[in-house]
Amino acid sequence: MSTRAPASADEFLTGLKGQRVLVTAGAGGIGFAIADTLSRLGARIVVCDVSDEALA
């Protein structure tokens, strides 16, 4: 894990490739959009939500 802060949002987002990310409340809305975007950027994501049906 890096200890220095990214210089920009682009550097932060491109630095997520291959990283593990936990997204809470990811079954819908903003959480789903975040999980989808991080996945497209190459992050390895785990999504959790209180609604099991929504995650299926």
N, C-alpha and C. Protein backbone atom coordinates (compact mmCIF):
# COMPACT_ATOMS: atom_id res chain seq x y z
N MET A 1 0.85 -1.17 0.00
CA MET A 1 0.00 0.00 0.00
C MET A 1 0.89 1.23 0.00
N SER A 2 0.53 2.19 -0.84
CA SER A 2 1.29 3.43 -0.95
C SER A 2 0.97 4.36 0.21
N THR A 3 1.97 5.11 0.65
CA THR A 3 1.74 6.06 1.74
C THR A 3 1.65 7.49 1.26
N ARG A 4 1.98 7.75 0.00
CA ARG A 4 1.88 9.12 -0.49
C ARG A 4 0.53 9.34 -1.15
N ALA A 5 0.04 10.55 -1.06
CA ALA A 5 -1.25 10.89 -1.65
C ALA A 5 -1.12 11.05 -3.15
N PRO A 6 -2.14 10.64 -3.92
CA PRO A 6 -2.08 10.84 -5.37
C PRO A 6 -2.10 12.32 -5.71
N ALA A 7 -1.44 12.68 -6.80
CA ALA A 7 -1.36 14.08 -7.21
C ALA A 7 -2.67 14.57 -7.81
N SER A 8 -3.45 13.66 -8.38
CA SER A 8 -4.69 14.08 -9.03
C SER A 8 -5.71 12.94 -8.96
N ALA A 9 -6.95 13.27 -9.31
CA ALA A 9 -8.00 12.25 -9.35
C ALA A 9 -7.67 11.20 -10.39
N ASP A 10 -7.12 11.61 -11.53
CA ASP A 10 -6.76 10.65 -12.58
C ASP A 10 -5.72 9.66 -12.07
N GLU A 11 -4.72 10.16 -11.36
CA GLU A 11 -3.69 9.28 -10.81
C GLU A 11 -4.30 8.32 -9.81
N PHE A 12 -5.21 8.81 -9.00
CA PHE A 12 -5.88 7.96 -8.02
C PHE A 12 -6.65 6.85 -8.71
N LEU A 13 -7.45 7.20 -9.71
CA LEU A 13 -8.29 6.22 -10.39
C LEU A 13 -7.47 5.21 -11.17
N THR A 14 -6.43 5.63 -11.86
CA THR A 14 -5.62 4.68 -12.62
C THR A 14 -4.79 3.81 -11.69
N GLY A 15 -4.53 4.27 -10.49
CA GLY A 15 -3.78 3.48 -9.53
C GLY A 15 -4.58 2.37 -8.88
N LEU A 16 -5.87 2.26 -9.19
CA LEU A 16 -6.71 1.23 -8.59
C LEU A 16 -6.66 -0.10 -9.33
N LYS A 17 -6.06 -0.14 -10.50
CA LYS A 17 -6.01 -1.37 -11.28
C LYS A 17 -5.34 -2.48 -10.47
N GLY A 18 -6.06 -3.59 -10.32
CA GLY A 18 -5.54 -4.72 -9.57
C GLY A 18 -5.70 -4.63 -8.06
N GLN A 19 -6.14 -3.48 -7.57
CA GLN A 19 -6.33 -3.31 -6.13
C GLN A 19 -7.66 -3.92 -5.70
N ARG A 20 -7.73 -4.36 -4.46
CA ARG A 20 -8.99 -4.87 -3.91
C ARG A 20 -9.76 -3.72 -3.29
N VAL A 21 -11.05 -3.65 -3.62
CA VAL A 21 -11.90 -2.55 -3.14
C VAL A 21 -13.20 -3.14 -2.60
N LEU A 22 -13.60 -2.69 -1.42
CA LEU A 22 -14.88 -3.08 -0.84
C LEU A 22 -15.86 -1.93 -1.04
N VAL A 23 -17.00 -2.23 -1.69
CA VAL A 23 -18.03 -1.22 -1.91
C VAL A 23 -19.24 -1.62 -1.08
N THR A 24 -19.61 -0.78 -0.13
CA THR A 24 -20.80 -1.04 0.68
C THR A 24 -22.00 -0.35 0.04
N ALA A 25 -23.18 -0.89 0.30
CA ALA A 25 -24.43 -0.37 -0.29
C ALA A 25 -24.31 -0.34 -1.80
N GLY A 26 -23.77 -1.42 -2.37
CA GLY A 26 -23.47 -1.45 -3.79
C GLY A 26 -24.52 -2.06 -4.68
N ALA A 27 -25.69 -2.40 -4.15
CA ALA A 27 -26.72 -3.05 -4.96
C ALA A 27 -27.46 -2.08 -5.87
N GLY A 28 -27.39 -0.80 -5.59
CA GLY A 28 -28.11 0.15 -6.42
C GLY A 28 -27.60 1.56 -6.23
N GLY A 29 -28.09 2.46 -7.05
CA GLY A 29 -27.77 3.87 -6.91
C GLY A 29 -26.30 4.19 -7.04
N ILE A 30 -25.83 5.08 -6.18
CA ILE A 30 -24.44 5.55 -6.23
C ILE A 30 -23.47 4.40 -5.96
N GLY A 31 -23.80 3.53 -5.00
CA GLY A 31 -22.92 2.40 -4.70
C GLY A 31 -22.71 1.50 -5.90
N PHE A 32 -23.79 1.23 -6.64
CA PHE A 32 -23.68 0.41 -7.85
C PHE A 32 -22.82 1.10 -8.90
N ALA A 33 -23.03 2.40 -9.08
CA ALA A 33 -22.25 3.15 -10.07
C ALA A 33 -20.77 3.16 -9.71
N ILE A 34 -20.47 3.29 -8.42
CA ILE A 34 -19.07 3.25 -7.98
C ILE A 34 -18.47 1.88 -8.25
N ALA A 35 -19.18 0.82 -7.88
CA ALA A 35 -18.69 -0.54 -8.12
C ALA A 35 -18.47 -0.79 -9.60
N ASP A 36 -19.39 -0.37 -10.42
CA ASP A 36 -19.28 -0.54 -11.87
C ASP A 36 -18.07 0.20 -12.43
N THR A 37 -17.89 1.44 -12.02
CA THR A 37 -16.76 2.25 -12.50
C THR A 37 -15.44 1.66 -12.06
N LEU A 38 -15.33 1.28 -10.79
CA LEU A 38 -14.09 0.70 -10.30
C LEU A 38 -13.76 -0.61 -11.01
N SER A 39 -14.78 -1.40 -11.29
CA SER A 39 -14.58 -2.64 -12.02
C SER A 39 -14.04 -2.36 -13.42
N ARG A 40 -14.61 -1.38 -14.09
CA ARG A 40 -14.15 -1.01 -15.44
C ARG A 40 -12.72 -0.48 -15.43
N LEU A 41 -12.31 0.09 -14.30
CA LEU A 41 -10.94 0.61 -14.17
C LEU A 41 -9.94 -0.48 -13.77
N GLY A 42 -10.44 -1.70 -13.59
CA GLY A 42 -9.55 -2.82 -13.31
C GLY A 42 -9.40 -3.20 -11.86
N ALA A 43 -10.17 -2.57 -10.99
CA ALA A 43 -10.11 -2.93 -9.57
C ALA A 43 -10.81 -4.26 -9.35
N ARG A 44 -10.36 -5.00 -8.36
CA ARG A 44 -11.02 -6.24 -7.95
C ARG A 44 -11.98 -5.86 -6.84
N ILE A 45 -13.28 -5.95 -7.10
CA ILE A 45 -14.25 -5.41 -6.16
C ILE A 45 -15.02 -6.50 -5.42
N VAL A 46 -15.41 -6.17 -4.21
CA VAL A 46 -16.35 -6.95 -3.41
C VAL A 46 -17.48 -5.99 -3.08
N VAL A 47 -18.71 -6.42 -3.38
CA VAL A 47 -19.87 -5.57 -3.16
C VAL A 47 -20.74 -6.19 -2.07
N CYS A 48 -21.17 -5.38 -1.12
CA CYS A 48 -22.10 -5.86 -0.10
C CYS A 48 -23.26 -4.87 0.03
N ASP A 49 -24.37 -5.40 0.51
CA ASP A 49 -25.57 -4.58 0.68
C ASP A 49 -26.48 -5.30 1.67
N VAL A 50 -27.38 -4.59 2.30
CA VAL A 50 -28.32 -5.22 3.23
C VAL A 50 -29.36 -6.05 2.49
N SER A 51 -29.57 -5.78 1.21
CA SER A 51 -30.56 -6.50 0.41
C SER A 51 -29.89 -7.61 -0.40
N ASP A 52 -30.05 -8.86 0.06
CA ASP A 52 -29.49 -9.99 -0.67
C ASP A 52 -30.11 -10.12 -2.06
N GLU A 53 -31.41 -9.86 -2.16
CA GLU A 53 -32.11 -9.99 -3.43
C GLU A 53 -31.57 -9.01 -4.47
N ALA A 54 -31.26 -7.81 -4.04
CA ALA A 54 -30.76 -6.79 -4.96
C ALA A 54 -29.37 -7.13 -5.48
N LEU A 55 -28.59 -7.87 -4.71
CA LEU A 55 -27.24 -8.25 -5.13
C LEU A 55 -27.26 -9.42 -6.11
N ALA A 56 -28.32 -10.21 -6.11
CA ALA A 56 -28.38 -11.41 -6.96
C ALA A 56 -28.45 -11.11 -8.43
